């Protein structure tokens, strides 16, 4: 009987979390981005659905903060030159700022979840809060992307659209992963009160 080498043992330990991440990401709109993001931000030996939802929300808020900084810099430059594009960029900046706040609130709310807690109406209040805030953050980011229509746009507009689109995609994935996680509570509630 041949024993597995240390390399194959290490590989099998790494592949379980990766397999779980890949399976979880299949329910998202952007699975390749989801897998890339979560394998980078998840360092658990055996991640669970709550950890993946939290990691996805954290990645979204980091990207939104980075985009907010970029938009702030661009808005400042455009304001100084009194460019006609200033208003659109400023509006987008306000929407992304709202997204940052909503995603941050969602992460704080998700930390309040106790996986071992009994089923109560309180848990559904927390679930609804996270769902509402992440959905609102997604709407804000998507609305900002819509402000930059068309294929012919300046390099600056193309860069903004790309960065904001990335925020929207990450947030969409985070929402899908949160729905996956919260479904276990809703399922348990249905079983308890059919």
C-alpha atoms as a PDB file:
ATOM      1  CA  UNK A   1       0.000   0.000   0.000  1.00  0.00           C
ATOM      2  CA  UNK A   2       1.394   3.384  -1.012  1.00  0.00           C
ATOM      3  CA  UNK A   3       0.979   6.208   1.496  1.00  0.00           C
ATOM      4  CA  UNK A   4       0.140   9.668   0.197  1.00  0.00           C
ATOM      5  CA  UNK A   5       3.021  12.093   0.044  1.00  0.00           C
ATOM      6  CA  UNK A   6       3.013  15.244   2.203  1.00  0.00           C
ATOM      7  CA  UNK A   7       2.380  17.305  -0.914  1.00  0.00           C
ATOM      8  CA  UNK A   8      -0.852  15.453  -1.717  1.00  0.00           C
ATOM      9  CA  UNK A   9      -1.987  15.684   1.920  1.00  0.00           C
ATOM     10  CA  UNK A  10      -1.435  19.459   1.862  1.00  0.00           C
ATOM     11  CA  UNK A  11      -3.247  19.686  -1.475  1.00  0.00           C
ATOM     12  CA  UNK A  12      -6.290  17.783  -0.147  1.00  0.00           C
ATOM     13  CA  UNK A  13      -6.468  20.084   2.884  1.00  0.00           C
ATOM     14  CA  UNK A  14      -6.433  23.132   0.625  1.00  0.00           C
ATOM     15  CA  UNK A  15      -8.924  21.683  -1.829  1.00  0.00           C
ATOM     16  CA  UNK A  16     -11.795  21.288   0.673  1.00  0.00           C
ATOM     17  CA  UNK A  17     -12.140  25.036   1.306  1.00  0.00           C
ATOM     18  CA  UNK A  18     -11.619  25.747  -2.397  1.00  0.00           C
ATOM     19  CA  UNK A  19     -14.278  23.176  -3.331  1.00  0.00           C
ATOM     20  CA  UNK A  20     -16.713  24.706  -0.830  1.00  0.00           C
ATOM     21  CA  UNK A  21     -16.017  28.205  -2.181  1.00  0.00           C
ATOM     22  CA  UNK A  22     -16.479  27.079  -5.792  1.00  0.00           C
ATOM     23  CA  UNK A  23     -19.757  25.325  -4.975  1.00  0.00           C
ATOM     24  CA  UNK A  24     -21.031  28.340  -3.041  1.00  0.00           C
ATOM     25  CA  UNK A  25     -20.073  30.769  -5.813  1.00  0.00           C
ATOM     26  CA  UNK A  26     -22.155  28.889  -8.394  1.00  0.00           C
ATOM     27  CA  UNK A  27     -25.265  30.644  -7.032  1.00  0.00           C
ATOM     28  CA  UNK A  28     -23.805  34.098  -7.786  1.00  0.00           C
ATOM     29  CA  UNK A  29     -24.085  36.138 -10.994  1.00  0.00           C
ATOM     30  CA  UNK A  30     -20.291  36.415 -11.287  1.00  0.00           C
ATOM     31  CA  UNK A  31     -18.900  33.059 -10.124  1.00  0.00           C
ATOM     32  CA  UNK A  32     -15.341  33.548 -11.454  1.00  0.00           C
ATOM     33  CA  UNK A  33     -15.049  36.890  -9.623  1.00  0.00           C
ATOM     34  CA  UNK A  34     -16.579  35.304  -6.521  1.00  0.00           C
ATOM     35  CA  UNK A  35     -14.065  32.442  -6.478  1.00  0.00           C
ATOM     36  CA  UNK A  36     -11.123  34.782  -7.099  1.00  0.00           C
ATOM     37  CA  UNK A  37     -12.261  37.170  -4.374  1.00  0.00           C
ATOM     38  CA  UNK A  38     -13.054  34.545  -1.738  1.00  0.00           C
ATOM     39  CA  UNK A  39      -9.939  32.446  -2.234  1.00  0.00           C
ATOM     40  CA  UNK A  40      -7.971  35.646  -1.658  1.00  0.00           C
ATOM     41  CA  UNK A  41      -9.990  36.846   1.354  1.00  0.00           C
ATOM     42  CA  UNK A  42     -10.837  33.532   3.022  1.00  0.00           C
ATOM     43  CA  UNK A  43      -8.151  31.838   5.066  1.00  0.00           C
ATOM     44  CA  UNK A  44     -10.283  29.291   6.893  1.00  0.00           C
ATOM     45  CA  UNK A  45      -9.410  25.596   6.913  1.00  0.00           C
ATOM     46  CA  UNK A  46     -13.094  24.751   6.690  1.00  0.00           C
ATOM     47  CA  UNK A  47     -15.136  27.845   5.827  1.00  0.00           C
ATOM     48  CA  UNK A  48     -18.864  27.957   6.431  1.00  0.00           C
ATOM     49  CA  UNK A  49     -21.564  29.959   4.682  1.00  0.00           C
ATOM     50  CA  UNK A  50     -21.540  32.738   7.294  1.00  0.00           C
ATOM     51  CA  UNK A  51     -17.771  33.217   6.890  1.00  0.00           C
ATOM     52  CA  UNK A  52     -18.131  33.340   3.106  1.00  0.00           C
ATOM     53  CA  UNK A  53     -20.933  35.915   3.321  1.00  0.00           C
ATOM     54  CA  UNK A  54     -18.840  38.031   5.686  1.00  0.00           C
ATOM     55  CA  UNK A  55     -15.728  37.729   3.488  1.00  0.00           C
ATOM     56  CA  UNK A  56     -17.758  38.709   0.408  1.00  0.00           C
ATOM     57  CA  UNK A  57     -19.241  41.737   2.190  1.00  0.00           C
ATOM     58  CA  UNK A  58     -15.787  42.732   3.434  1.00  0.00           C
ATOM     59  CA  UNK A  59     -14.346  42.512  -0.086  1.00  0.00           C
ATOM     60  CA  UNK A  60     -17.246  44.641  -1.357  1.00  0.00           C
ATOM     61  CA  UNK A  61     -16.757  47.346   1.247  1.00  0.00           C
ATOM     62  CA  UNK A  62     -12.991  47.455   0.619  1.00  0.00           C
ATOM     63  CA  UNK A  63     -13.575  47.875  -3.122  1.00  0.00           C
ATOM     64  CA  UNK A  64     -16.272  50.512  -2.481  1.00  0.00           C
ATOM     65  CA  UNK A  65     -13.929  52.472  -0.173  1.00  0.00           C
ATOM     66  CA  UNK A  66     -11.166  52.359  -2.776  1.00  0.00           C
ATOM     67  CA  UNK A  67     -13.607  53.539  -5.449  1.00  0.00           C
ATOM     68  CA  UNK A  68     -14.881  56.319  -3.178  1.00  0.00           C
ATOM     69  CA  UNK A  69     -11.310  57.588  -2.739  1.00  0.00           C
ATOM     70  CA  UNK A  70     -10.765  57.508  -6.497  1.00  0.00           C
ATOM     71  CA  UNK A  71     -14.049  59.314  -7.196  1.00  0.00           C
ATOM     72  CA  UNK A  72     -13.239  61.925  -4.550  1.00  0.00           C
ATOM     73  CA  UNK A  73      -9.931  62.671  -6.242  1.00  0.00           C
ATOM     74  CA  UNK A  74     -11.529  62.891  -9.687  1.00  0.00           C
ATOM     75  CA  UNK A  75     -14.398  65.080  -8.398  1.00  0.00           C
ATOM     76  CA  UNK A  76     -11.908  67.446  -6.780  1.00  0.00           C
ATOM     77  CA  UNK A  77      -9.945  67.768 -10.024  1.00  0.00           C
ATOM     78  CA  UNK A  78     -13.115  68.291 -12.081  1.00  0.00           C
ATOM     79  CA  UNK A  79     -14.474  70.832  -9.578  1.00  0.00           C
ATOM     80  CA  UNK A  80     -11.257  72.845  -9.815  1.00  0.00           C
ATOM     81  CA  UNK A  81     -11.535  72.993 -13.615  1.00  0.00           C
ATOM     82  CA  UNK A  82     -15.318  73.583 -13.509  1.00  0.00           C
ATOM     83  CA  UNK A  83     -15.847  70.645 -15.854  1.00  0.00           C
ATOM     84  CA  UNK A  84     -19.380  69.795 -16.993  1.00  0.00           C
ATOM     85  CA  UNK A  85     -18.723  66.195 -15.892  1.00  0.00           C
ATOM     86  CA  UNK A  86     -18.283  67.274 -12.268  1.00  0.00           C
ATOM     87  CA  UNK A  87     -21.977  66.876 -11.369  1.00  0.00           C
ATOM     88  CA  UNK A  88     -22.202  63.286 -12.666  1.00  0.00           C
ATOM     89  CA  UNK A  89     -18.998  62.268 -10.866  1.00  0.00           C
ATOM     90  CA  UNK A  90     -20.097  64.018  -7.669  1.00  0.00           C
ATOM     91  CA  UNK A  91     -23.481  62.231  -7.780  1.00  0.00           C
ATOM     92  CA  UNK A  92     -21.725  58.919  -8.326  1.00  0.00           C
ATOM     93  CA  UNK A  93     -19.418  59.690  -5.396  1.00  0.00           C
ATOM     94  CA  UNK A  94     -22.443  60.282  -3.151  1.00  0.00           C
ATOM     95  CA  UNK A  95     -23.989  56.976  -4.244  1.00  0.00           C
ATOM     96  CA  UNK A  96     -20.770  55.057  -3.606  1.00  0.00           C
ATOM     97  CA  UNK A  97     -20.443  56.778  -0.231  1.00  0.00           C
ATOM     98  CA  UNK A  98     -23.938  55.480   0.595  1.00  0.00           C
ATOM     99  CA  UNK A  99     -22.852  52.006  -0.556  1.00  0.00           C
ATOM    100  CA  UNK A 100     -19.835  52.095   1.770  1.00  0.00           C
ATOM    101  CA  UNK A 101     -22.068  53.019   4.715  1.00  0.00           C
ATOM    102  CA  UNK A 102     -24.681  50.376   3.904  1.00  0.00           C
ATOM    103  CA  UNK A 103     -22.100  47.608   3.413  1.00  0.00           C
ATOM    104  CA  UNK A 104     -20.363  48.595   6.659  1.00  0.00           C
ATOM    105  CA  UNK A 105     -23.689  48.414   8.509  1.00  0.00           C
ATOM    106  CA  UNK A 106     -24.330  45.001   6.967  1.00  0.00           C
ATOM    107  CA  UNK A 107     -21.013  43.634   8.185  1.00  0.00           C
ATOM    108  CA  UNK A 108     -21.679  44.918  11.715  1.00  0.00           C
ATOM    109  CA  UNK A 109     -25.151  43.376  11.634  1.00  0.00           C
ATOM    110  CA  UNK A 110     -23.835  40.028  10.356  1.00  0.00           C
ATOM    111  CA  UNK A 111     -21.381  39.915  13.265  1.00  0.00           C
ATOM    112  CA  UNK A 112     -24.387  39.926  15.612  1.00  0.00           C
ATOM    113  CA  UNK A 113     -25.590  36.593  14.234  1.00  0.00           C
ATOM    114  CA  UNK A 114     -24.998  33.725  16.600  1.00  0.00           C
ATOM    115  CA  UNK A 115     -25.104  30.473  14.615  1.00  0.00           C
ATOM    116  CA  UNK A 116     -26.031  28.590  17.795  1.00  0.00           C
ATOM    117  CA  UNK A 117     -28.807  30.960  18.799  1.00  0.00           C
ATOM    118  CA  UNK A 118     -32.368  29.716  18.909  1.00  0.00           C
ATOM    119  CA  UNK A 119     -34.797  30.706  16.197  1.00  0.00           C
ATOM    120  CA  UNK A 120     -36.450  33.995  17.160  1.00  0.00           C
ATOM    121  CA  UNK A 121     -38.113  36.889  15.373  1.00  0.00           C
ATOM    122  CA  UNK A 122     -35.027  38.901  16.322  1.00  0.00           C
ATOM    123  CA  UNK A 123     -32.828  36.855  13.970  1.00  0.00           C
ATOM    124  CA  UNK A 124     -35.159  37.661  11.060  1.00  0.00           C
ATOM    125  CA  UNK A 125     -34.973  41.346  11.924  1.00  0.00           C
ATOM    126  CA  UNK A 126     -31.157  41.120  11.589  1.00  0.00           C
ATOM    127  CA  UNK A 127     -31.487  39.152   8.335  1.00  0.00           C
ATOM    128  CA  UNK A 128     -33.884  41.741   6.899  1.00  0.00           C
ATOM    129  CA  UNK A 129     -31.516  44.564   7.901  1.00  0.00           C
ATOM    130  CA  UNK A 130     -28.562  42.983   6.107  1.00  0.00           C
ATOM    131  CA  UNK A 131     -30.679  42.148   3.073  1.00  0.00           C
ATOM    132  CA  UNK A 132     -32.044  45.706   2.873  1.00  0.00           C
ATOM    133  CA  UNK A 133     -28.664  47.395   3.261  1.00  0.00           C
ATOM    134  CA  UNK A 134     -26.810  45.179   0.778  1.00  0.00           C
ATOM    135  CA  UNK A 135     -29.648  45.529  -1.739  1.00  0.00           C
ATOM    136  CA  UNK A 136     -29.549  49.323  -1.333  1.00  0.00           C
ATOM    137  CA  UNK A 137     -25.747  49.328  -1.777  1.00  0.00           C
ATOM    138  CA  UNK A 138     -26.157  47.314  -4.975  1.00  0.00           C
ATOM    139  CA  UNK A 139     -28.821  49.716  -6.262  1.00  0.00           C
ATOM    140  CA  UNK A 140     -26.586  52.720  -5.538  1.00  0.00           C
ATOM    141  CA  UNK A 141     -23.599  51.204  -7.339  1.00  0.00           C
ATOM    142  CA  UNK A 142     -25.748  50.121 -10.304  1.00  0.00           C
ATOM    143  CA  UNK A 143     -27.326  53.592 -10.543  1.00  0.00           C
ATOM    144  CA  UNK A 144     -23.857  55.112 -10.642  1.00  0.00           C
ATOM    145  CA  UNK A 145     -22.829  52.775 -13.491  1.00  0.00           C
ATOM    146  CA  UNK A 146     -25.967  53.861 -15.399  1.00  0.00           C
ATOM    147  CA  UNK A 147     -24.750  57.472 -15.270  1.00  0.00           C
ATOM    148  CA  UNK A 148     -21.980  56.524 -17.728  1.00  0.00           C
ATOM    149  CA  UNK A 149     -23.875  55.129 -20.743  1.00  0.00           C
ATOM    150  CA  UNK A 150     -22.577  54.364 -24.188  1.00  0.00           C
ATOM    151  CA  UNK A 151     -19.433  52.911 -25.650  1.00  0.00           C
ATOM    152  CA  UNK A 152     -17.651  56.118 -26.576  1.00  0.00           C
ATOM    153  CA  UNK A 153     -16.492  57.736 -23.397  1.00  0.00           C
ATOM    154  CA  UNK A 154     -13.420  59.451 -22.111  1.00  0.00           C
ATOM    155  CA  UNK A 155     -10.663  57.460 -20.470  1.00  0.00           C
ATOM    156  CA  UNK A 156     -11.678  58.946 -17.112  1.00  0.00           C
ATOM    157  CA  UNK A 157     -15.332  57.925 -17.516  1.00  0.00           C
ATOM    158  CA  UNK A 158     -14.322  54.431 -18.634  1.00  0.00           C
ATOM    159  CA  UNK A 159     -12.095  54.070 -15.551  1.00  0.00           C
ATOM    160  CA  UNK A 160     -14.903  55.225 -13.241  1.00  0.00           C
ATOM    161  CA  UNK A 161     -17.425  52.898 -14.863  1.00  0.00           C
ATOM    162  CA  UNK A 162     -15.035  49.953 -14.564  1.00  0.00           C
ATOM    163  CA  UNK A 163     -14.326  50.591 -10.871  1.00  0.00           C
ATOM    164  CA  UNK A 164     -17.975  51.123  -9.970  1.00  0.00           C
ATOM    165  CA  UNK A 165     -19.059  48.087 -12.009  1.00  0.00           C
ATOM    166  CA  UNK A 166     -16.599  46.014  -9.982  1.00  0.00           C
ATOM    167  CA  UNK A 167     -18.229  47.291  -6.761  1.00  0.00           C
ATOM    168  CA  UNK A 168     -21.667  46.359  -8.129  1.00  0.00           C
ATOM    169  CA  UNK A 169     -20.532  42.870  -9.153  1.00  0.00           C
ATOM    170  CA  UNK A 170     -18.861  42.160  -5.805  1.00  0.00           C
ATOM    171  CA  UNK A 171     -21.936  43.445  -3.977  1.00  0.00           C
ATOM    172  CA  UNK A 172     -24.231  41.293  -6.124  1.00  0.00           C
ATOM    173  CA  UNK A 173     -22.126  38.245  -5.235  1.00  0.00           C
ATOM    174  CA  UNK A 174     -22.128  39.170  -1.541  1.00  0.00           C
ATOM    175  CA  UNK A 175     -25.921  39.450  -1.597  1.00  0.00           C
ATOM    176  CA  UNK A 176     -26.263  36.011  -3.214  1.00  0.00           C
ATOM    177  CA  UNK A 177     -23.915  34.451  -0.643  1.00  0.00           C
ATOM    178  CA  UNK A 178     -25.806  36.140   2.181  1.00  0.00           C
ATOM    179  CA  UNK A 179     -29.074  34.741   0.797  1.00  0.00           C
ATOM    180  CA  UNK A 180     -27.460  31.297   0.773  1.00  0.00           C
ATOM    181  CA  UNK A 181     -26.461  31.712   4.409  1.00  0.00           C
ATOM    182  CA  UNK A 182     -29.775  33.176   5.615  1.00  0.00           C
ATOM    183  CA  UNK A 183     -31.795  30.481   3.808  1.00  0.00           C
ATOM    184  CA  UNK A 184     -30.918  28.000   6.561  1.00  0.00           C
ATOM    185  CA  UNK A 185     -32.712  30.217   9.104  1.00  0.00           C
ATOM    186  CA  UNK A 186     -35.739  30.644   6.885  1.00  0.00           C
ATOM    187  CA  UNK A 187     -35.784  26.889   6.201  1.00  0.00           C
ATOM    188  CA  UNK A 188     -35.601  26.103   9.909  1.00  0.00           C
ATOM    189  CA  UNK A 189     -38.438  28.543  10.618  1.00  0.00           C
ATOM    190  CA  UNK A 190     -40.640  26.884   7.970  1.00  0.00           C
ATOM    191  CA  UNK A 191     -39.944  23.444   9.471  1.00  0.00           C
ATOM    192  CA  UNK A 192     -40.763  24.746  12.953  1.00  0.00           C
ATOM    193  CA  UNK A 193     -43.949  26.568  11.871  1.00  0.00           C
ATOM    194  CA  UNK A 194     -45.244  24.893   8.675  1.00  0.00           C
END
